[in-house]
Amino acid sequence: MKFIPKDKIRKALIAFLFKQVITWAVGLGVVELRLIEYPVRLFPYANRTSFSFEYFIYPSICAISRSC
């Protein structure tokens, strides 16, 4: 939150949540088709996606770049 100006927090939050929805659907499909494989997973028993990348890192980068 310290990289996002206070007047653009709403846009950044919308971009963050929108990217989470997209990366969840597309990322889960790609992993289940075995087109990509993540070497380290936070929750290996749940599914084969990377929790930290799919739900936090990529959406955060998109929110920061959208709000600048």
PDB file of N, CA and C in Angstrom:
ATOM      1  N   MET A   1       0.804  -1.192   0.000  1.00  0.00           N
ATOM      2  CA  MET A   1       0.000   0.000   0.000  1.00  0.00           C
ATOM      3  C   MET A   1       0.852   1.264   0.000  1.00  0.00           C
ATOM      4  N   LYS A   2       2.118   1.153   0.368  1.00  0.00           N
ATOM      5  CA  LYS A   2       2.917   2.375   0.419  1.00  0.00           C
ATOM      6  C   LYS A   2       3.356   2.841  -0.970  1.00  0.00           C
ATOM      7  N   PHE A   3       3.189   2.019  -1.996  1.00  0.00           N
ATOM      8  CA  PHE A   3       3.545   2.414  -3.356  1.00  0.00           C
ATOM      9  C   PHE A   3       2.370   3.033  -4.110  1.00  0.00           C
ATOM     10  N   ILE A   4       1.192   3.004  -3.529  1.00  0.00           N
ATOM     11  CA  ILE A   4      -0.012   3.474  -4.202  1.00  0.00           C
ATOM     12  C   ILE A   4      -0.444   4.798  -3.581  1.00  0.00           C
ATOM     13  N   PRO A   5      -0.633   5.843  -4.391  1.00  0.00           N
ATOM     14  CA  PRO A   5      -1.114   7.122  -3.850  1.00  0.00           C
ATOM     15  C   PRO A   5      -2.511   6.964  -3.240  1.00  0.00           C
ATOM     16  N   LYS A   6      -2.791   7.761  -2.227  1.00  0.00           N
ATOM     17  CA  LYS A   6      -4.064   7.650  -1.505  1.00  0.00           C
ATOM     18  C   LYS A   6      -5.271   7.916  -2.396  1.00  0.00           C
ATOM     19  N   ASP A   7      -5.133   8.758  -3.384  1.00  0.00           N
ATOM     20  CA  ASP A   7      -6.277   9.076  -4.244  1.00  0.00           C
ATOM     21  C   ASP A   7      -6.546   7.996  -5.294  1.00  0.00           C
ATOM     22  N   LYS A   8      -5.665   7.010  -5.413  1.00  0.00           N
ATOM     23  CA  LYS A   8      -5.844   5.946  -6.409  1.00  0.00           C
ATOM     24  C   LYS A   8      -5.979   4.553  -5.786  1.00  0.00           C
ATOM     25  N   ILE A   9      -6.280   4.496  -4.503  1.00  0.00           N
ATOM     26  CA  ILE A   9      -6.414   3.198  -3.831  1.00  0.00           C
ATOM     27  C   ILE A   9      -7.596   2.418  -4.395  1.00  0.00           C
ATOM     28  N   ARG A  10      -8.688   3.088  -4.710  1.00  0.00           N
ATOM     29  CA  ARG A  10      -9.867   2.387  -5.232  1.00  0.00           C
ATOM     30  C   ARG A  10      -9.559   1.715  -6.572  1.00  0.00           C
ATOM     31  N   LYS A  11      -8.875   2.424  -7.469  1.00  0.00           N
ATOM     32  CA  LYS A  11      -8.502   1.835  -8.764  1.00  0.00           C
ATOM     33  C   LYS A  11      -7.539   0.664  -8.580  1.00  0.00           C
ATOM     34  N   ALA A  12      -6.611   0.805  -7.660  1.00  0.00           N
ATOM     35  CA  ALA A  12      -5.646  -0.265  -7.416  1.00  0.00           C
ATOM     36  C   ALA A  12      -6.326  -1.501  -6.832  1.00  0.00           C
ATOM     37  N   LEU A  13      -7.286  -1.304  -5.957  1.00  0.00           N
ATOM     38  CA  LEU A  13      -8.004  -2.436  -5.367  1.00  0.00           C
ATOM     39  C   LEU A  13      -8.839  -3.167  -6.419  1.00  0.00           C
ATOM     40  N   ILE A  14      -9.485  -2.421  -7.289  1.00  0.00           N
ATOM     41  CA  ILE A  14     -10.260  -3.039  -8.370  1.00  0.00           C
ATOM     42  C   ILE A  14      -9.341  -3.818  -9.309  1.00  0.00           C
ATOM     43  N   ALA A  15      -8.194  -3.241  -9.658  1.00  0.00           N
ATOM     44  CA  ALA A  15      -7.239  -3.940 -10.524  1.00  0.00           C
ATOM     45  C   ALA A  15      -6.710  -5.198  -9.847  1.00  0.00           C
ATOM     46  N   PHE A  16      -6.436  -5.122  -8.547  1.00  0.00           N
ATOM     47  CA  PHE A  16      -5.932  -6.272  -7.794  1.00  0.00           C
ATOM     48  C   PHE A  16      -6.948  -7.409  -7.794  1.00  0.00           C
ATOM     49  N   LEU A  17      -8.195  -7.113  -7.459  1.00  0.00           N
ATOM     50  CA  LEU A  17      -9.227  -8.153  -7.396  1.00  0.00           C
ATOM     51  C   LEU A  17      -9.550  -8.716  -8.775  1.00  0.00           C
ATOM     52  N   PHE A  18      -9.571  -7.872  -9.790  1.00  0.00           N
ATOM     53  CA  PHE A  18      -9.848  -8.331 -11.146  1.00  0.00           C
ATOM     54  C   PHE A  18      -8.754  -9.282 -11.623  1.00  0.00           C
ATOM     55  N   LYS A  19      -7.502  -8.949 -11.349  1.00  0.00           N
ATOM     56  CA  LYS A  19      -6.394  -9.823 -11.743  1.00  0.00           C
ATOM     57  C   LYS A  19      -6.389 -11.127 -10.959  1.00  0.00           C
ATOM     58  N   GLN A  20      -6.849 -11.114  -9.713  1.00  0.00           N
ATOM     59  CA  GLN A  20      -6.946 -12.357  -8.962  1.00  0.00           C
ATOM     60  C   GLN A  20      -7.938 -13.311  -9.606  1.00  0.00           C
ATOM     61  N   VAL A  21      -9.061 -12.787 -10.059  1.00  0.00           N
ATOM     62  CA  VAL A  21     -10.071 -13.634 -10.702  1.00  0.00           C
ATOM     63  C   VAL A  21      -9.523 -14.225 -11.992  1.00  0.00           C
ATOM     64  N   ILE A  22      -8.869 -13.397 -12.790  1.00  0.00           N
ATOM     65  CA  ILE A  22      -8.331 -13.873 -14.068  1.00  0.00           C
ATOM     66  C   ILE A  22      -7.219 -14.899 -13.848  1.00  0.00           C
ATOM     67  N   THR A  23      -6.272 -14.603 -12.966  1.00  0.00           N
ATOM     68  CA  THR A  23      -5.161 -15.533 -12.768  1.00  0.00           C
ATOM     69  C   THR A  23      -5.617 -16.830 -12.116  1.00  0.00           C
ATOM     70  N   TRP A  24      -6.664 -16.790 -11.298  1.00  0.00           N
ATOM     71  CA  TRP A  24      -7.165 -18.025 -10.709  1.00  0.00           C
ATOM     72  C   TRP A  24      -7.725 -18.936 -11.791  1.00  0.00           C
ATOM     73  N   ALA A  25      -8.583 -18.403 -12.639  1.00  0.00           N
ATOM     74  CA  ALA A  25      -9.228 -19.233 -13.661  1.00  0.00           C
ATOM     75  C   ALA A  25      -8.228 -19.725 -14.702  1.00  0.00           C
ATOM     76  N   VAL A  26      -7.459 -18.816 -15.246  1.00  0.00           N
ATOM     77  CA  VAL A  26      -6.511 -19.189 -16.299  1.00  0.00           C
ATOM     78  C   VAL A  26      -5.364 -20.027 -15.733  1.00  0.00           C
ATOM     79  N   GLY A  27      -4.839 -19.629 -14.578  1.00  0.00           N
ATOM     80  CA  GLY A  27      -3.729 -20.364 -13.975  1.00  0.00           C
ATOM     81  C   GLY A  27      -4.093 -21.777 -13.596  1.00  0.00           C
ATOM     82  N   LEU A  28      -5.282 -21.966 -13.061  1.00  0.00           N
ATOM     83  CA  LEU A  28      -5.717 -23.303 -12.701  1.00  0.00           C
ATOM     84  C   LEU A  28      -5.883 -24.184 -13.936  1.00  0.00           C
ATOM     85  N   GLY A  29      -6.412 -23.624 -15.005  1.00  0.00           N
ATOM     86  CA  GLY A  29      -6.559 -24.386 -16.249  1.00  0.00           C
ATOM     87  C   GLY A  29      -5.223 -24.784 -16.852  1.00  0.00           C
ATOM     88  N   VAL A  30      -4.283 -23.848 -16.851  1.00  0.00           N
ATOM     89  CA  VAL A  30      -2.960 -24.119 -17.422  1.00  0.00           C
ATOM     90  C   VAL A  30      -2.223 -25.183 -16.614  1.00  0.00           C
ATOM     91  N   VAL A  31      -2.320 -25.110 -15.292  1.00  0.00           N
ATOM     92  CA  VAL A  31      -1.632 -26.087 -14.443  1.00  0.00           C
ATOM     93  C   VAL A  31      -2.273 -27.461 -14.568  1.00  0.00           C
ATOM     94  N   GLU A  32      -3.600 -27.511 -14.624  1.00  0.00           N
ATOM     95  CA  GLU A  32      -4.271 -28.805 -14.730  1.00  0.00           C
ATOM     96  C   GLU A  32      -4.024 -29.467 -16.083  1.00  0.00           C
ATOM     97  N   LEU A  33      -3.786 -28.684 -17.130  1.00  0.00           N
ATOM     98  CA  LEU A  33      -3.432 -29.241 -18.432  1.00  0.00           C
ATOM     99  C   LEU A  33      -1.947 -29.566 -18.529  1.00  0.00           C
ATOM    100  N   ARG A  34      -1.221 -29.303 -17.447  1.00  0.00           N
ATOM    101  CA  ARG A  34       0.223 -29.555 -17.336  1.00  0.00           C
ATOM    102  C   ARG A  34       1.042 -28.802 -18.385  1.00  0.00           C
ATOM    103  N   LEU A  35       0.614 -27.563 -18.669  1.00  0.00           N
ATOM    104  CA  LEU A  35       1.386 -26.706 -19.563  1.00  0.00           C
ATOM    105  C   LEU A  35       2.476 -25.952 -18.805  1.00  0.00           C
ATOM    106  N   ILE A  36       2.308 -25.844 -17.495  1.00  0.00           N
ATOM    107  CA  ILE A  36       3.301 -25.204 -16.631  1.00  0.00           C
ATOM    108  C   ILE A  36       3.345 -25.981 -15.322  1.00  0.00           C
ATOM    109  N   GLU A  37       4.511 -25.991 -14.700  1.00  0.00           N
ATOM    110  CA  GLU A  37       4.659 -26.676 -13.420  1.00  0.00           C
ATOM    111  C   GLU A  37       5.460 -25.792 -12.482  1.00  0.00           C
ATOM    112  N   TYR A  38       4.953 -25.573 -11.303  1.00  0.00           N
ATOM    113  CA  TYR A  38       5.641 -24.761 -10.309  1.00  0.00           C
ATOM    114  C   TYR A  38       6.491 -25.661  -9.426  1.00  0.00           C
ATOM    115  N   PRO A  39       7.780 -25.330  -9.245  1.00  0.00           N
ATOM    116  CA  PRO A  39       8.658 -26.195  -8.456  1.00  0.00           C
ATOM    117  C   PRO A  39       8.384 -26.130  -6.949  1.00  0.00           C
ATOM    118  N   VAL A  40       8.008 -24.961  -6.434  1.00  0.00           N
ATOM    119  CA  VAL A  40       7.766 -24.791  -5.004  1.00  0.00           C
ATOM    120  C   VAL A  40       6.353 -24.259  -4.829  1.00  0.00           C
ATOM    121  N   ARG A  41       5.585 -24.939  -3.985  1.00  0.00           N
ATOM    122  CA  ARG A  41       4.208 -24.517  -3.754  1.00  0.00           C
ATOM    123  C   ARG A  41       3.980 -24.339  -2.262  1.00  0.00           C
ATOM    124  N   LEU A  42       3.157 -23.383  -1.905  1.00  0.00           N
ATOM    125  CA  LEU A  42       2.855 -23.125  -0.502  1.00  0.00           C
ATOM    126  C   LEU A  42       1.912 -24.180   0.064  1.00  0.00           C
ATOM    127  N   PHE A  43       0.905 -24.577  -0.709  1.00  0.00           N
ATOM    128  CA  PHE A  43      -0.050 -25.598  -0.296  1.00  0.00           C
ATOM    129  C   PHE A  43      -0.030 -26.743  -1.309  1.00  0.00           C
ATOM    130  N   PRO A  44       0.912 -27.664  -1.214  1.00  0.00           N
ATOM    131  CA  PRO A  44       1.015 -28.714  -2.224  1.00  0.00           C
ATOM    132  C   PRO A  44      -0.143 -29.710  -2.203  1.00  0.00           C
ATOM    133  N   TYR A  45      -0.866 -29.800  -1.107  1.00  0.00           N
ATOM    134  CA  TYR A  45      -1.964 -30.752  -1.023  1.00  0.00           C
ATOM    135  C   TYR A  45      -3.250 -30.225  -1.669  1.00  0.00           C
ATOM    136  N   ALA A  46      -3.362 -28.924  -1.897  1.00  0.00           N
ATOM    137  CA  ALA A  46      -4.604 -28.344  -2.419  1.00  0.00           C
ATOM    138  C   ALA A  46      -4.710 -28.511  -3.936  1.00  0.00           C
ATOM    139  N   ASN A  47      -3.806 -27.943  -4.668  1.00  0.00           N
ATOM    140  CA  ASN A  47      -3.731 -28.111  -6.118  1.00  0.00           C
ATOM    141  C   ASN A  47      -2.321 -27.754  -6.570  1.00  0.00           C
ATOM    142  N   ARG A  48      -2.082 -27.806  -7.844  1.00  0.00           N
ATOM    143  CA  ARG A  48      -0.714 -27.634  -8.341  1.00  0.00           C
ATOM    144  C   ARG A  48      -0.363 -26.195  -8.696  1.00  0.00           C
ATOM    145  N   THR A  49      -1.189 -25.217  -8.328  1.00  0.00           N
ATOM    146  CA  THR A  49      -0.876 -23.825  -8.634  1.00  0.00           C
ATOM    147  C   THR A  49       0.025 -23.226  -7.558  1.00  0.00           C
ATOM    148  N   SER A  50       0.654 -22.130  -7.904  1.00  0.00           N
ATOM    149  CA  SER A  50       1.488 -21.408  -6.954  1.00  0.00           C
ATOM    150  C   SER A  50       0.635 -20.342  -6.276  1.00  0.00           C
ATOM    151  N   PHE A  51       0.329 -20.546  -5.009  1.00  0.00           N
ATOM    152  CA  PHE A  51      -0.549 -19.635  -4.281  1.00  0.00           C
ATOM    153  C   PHE A  51       0.027 -18.226  -4.222  1.00  0.00           C
ATOM    154  N   SER A  52       1.292 -18.107  -3.882  1.00  0.00           N
ATOM    155  CA  SER A  52       1.880 -16.777  -3.716  1.00  0.00           C
ATOM    156  C   SER A  52       1.931 -16.010  -5.035  1.00  0.00           C
ATOM    157  N   PHE A  53       2.242 -16.673  -6.140  1.00  0.00           N
ATOM    158  CA  PHE A  53       2.300 -15.969  -7.412  1.00  0.00           C
ATOM    159  C   PHE A  53       0.910 -15.650  -7.937  1.00  0.00           C
ATOM    160  N   GLU A  54       0.023 -16.638  -7.945  1.00  0.00           N
ATOM    161  CA  GLU A  54      -1.301 -16.472  -8.549  1.00  0.00           C
ATOM    162  C   GLU A  54      -2.193 -15.512  -7.776  1.00  0.00           C
ATOM    163  N   TYR A  55      -2.079 -15.462  -6.463  1.00  0.00           N
ATOM    164  CA  TYR A  55      -3.015 -14.692  -5.658  1.00  0.00           C
ATOM    165  C   TYR A  55      -2.427 -13.450  -5.006  1.00  0.00           C
ATOM    166  N   PHE A  56      -1.113 -13.292  -5.027  1.00  0.00           N
ATOM    167  CA  PHE A  56      -0.544 -12.119  -4.376  1.00  0.00           C
ATOM    168  C   PHE A  56       0.455 -11.350  -5.243  1.00  0.00           C
ATOM    169  N   ILE A  57       1.466 -12.013  -5.755  1.00  0.00           N
ATOM    170  CA  ILE A  57       2.551 -11.308  -6.447  1.00  0.00           C
ATOM    171  C   ILE A  57       2.082 -10.674  -7.749  1.00  0.00           C
ATOM    172  N   TYR A  58       1.509 -11.459  -8.655  1.00  0.00           N
ATOM    173  CA  TYR A  58       1.072 -10.923  -9.946  1.00  0.00           C
ATOM    174  C   TYR A  58      -0.037  -9.876  -9.812  1.00  0.00           C
ATOM    175  N   PRO A  59      -1.087 -10.116  -9.026  1.00  0.00           N
ATOM    176  CA  PRO A  59      -2.095  -9.059  -8.870  1.00  0.00           C
ATOM    177  C   PRO A  59      -1.548  -7.786  -8.223  1.00  0.00           C
ATOM    178  N   SER A  60      -0.583  -7.925  -7.307  1.00  0.00           N
ATOM    179  CA  SER A  60       0.010  -6.743  -6.682  1.00  0.00           C
ATOM    180  C   SER A  60       0.794  -5.915  -7.686  1.00  0.00           C
ATOM    181  N   ILE A  61       1.547  -6.578  -8.544  1.00  0.00           N
ATOM    182  CA  ILE A  61       2.299  -5.862  -9.580  1.00  0.00           C
ATOM    183  C   ILE A  61       1.346  -5.134 -10.519  1.00  0.00           C
ATOM    184  N   CYS A  62       0.258  -5.779 -10.883  1.00  0.00           N
ATOM    185  CA  CYS A  62      -0.722  -5.142 -11.754  1.00  0.00           C
ATOM    186  C   CYS A  62      -1.396  -3.959 -11.080  1.00  0.00           C
ATOM    187  N   ALA A  63      -1.707  -4.064  -9.809  1.00  0.00           N
ATOM    188  CA  ALA A  63      -2.348  -2.963  -9.079  1.00  0.00           C
ATOM    189  C   ALA A  63      -1.402  -1.781  -8.945  1.00  0.00           C
ATOM    190  N   ILE A  64      -0.142  -2.041  -8.670  1.00  0.00           N
ATOM    191  CA  ILE A  64       0.827  -0.950  -8.538  1.00  0.00           C
ATOM    192  C   ILE A  64       1.050  -0.264  -9.879  1.00  0.00           C
ATOM    193  N   SER A  65       1.178  -1.022 -10.949  1.00  0.00           N
ATOM    194  CA  SER A  65       1.421  -0.412 -12.252  1.00  0.00           C
ATOM    195  C   SER A  65       0.184   0.322 -12.757  1.00  0.00           C
ATOM    196  N   ARG A  66      -1.015  -0.130 -12.384  1.00  0.00           N
ATOM    197  CA  ARG A  66      -2.249   0.523 -12.819  1.00  0.00           C
ATOM    198  C   ARG A  66      -2.484   1.830 -12.083  1.00  0.00           C
ATOM    199  N   SER A  67      -2.026   1.934 -10.868  1.00  0.00           N
ATOM    200  CA  SER A  67      -2.318   3.124 -10.058  1.00  0.00           C
ATOM    201  C   SER A  67      -1.290   4.227 -10.235  1.00  0.00           C
ATOM    202  N   CYS A  68      -0.215   3.979 -10.911  1.00  0.00           N
ATOM    203  CA  CYS A  68       0.830   5.003 -11.085  1.00  0.00           C
ATOM    204  C   CYS A  68       0.497   5.984 -12.189  1.00  0.00           C
TER     205      CYS A  68
END
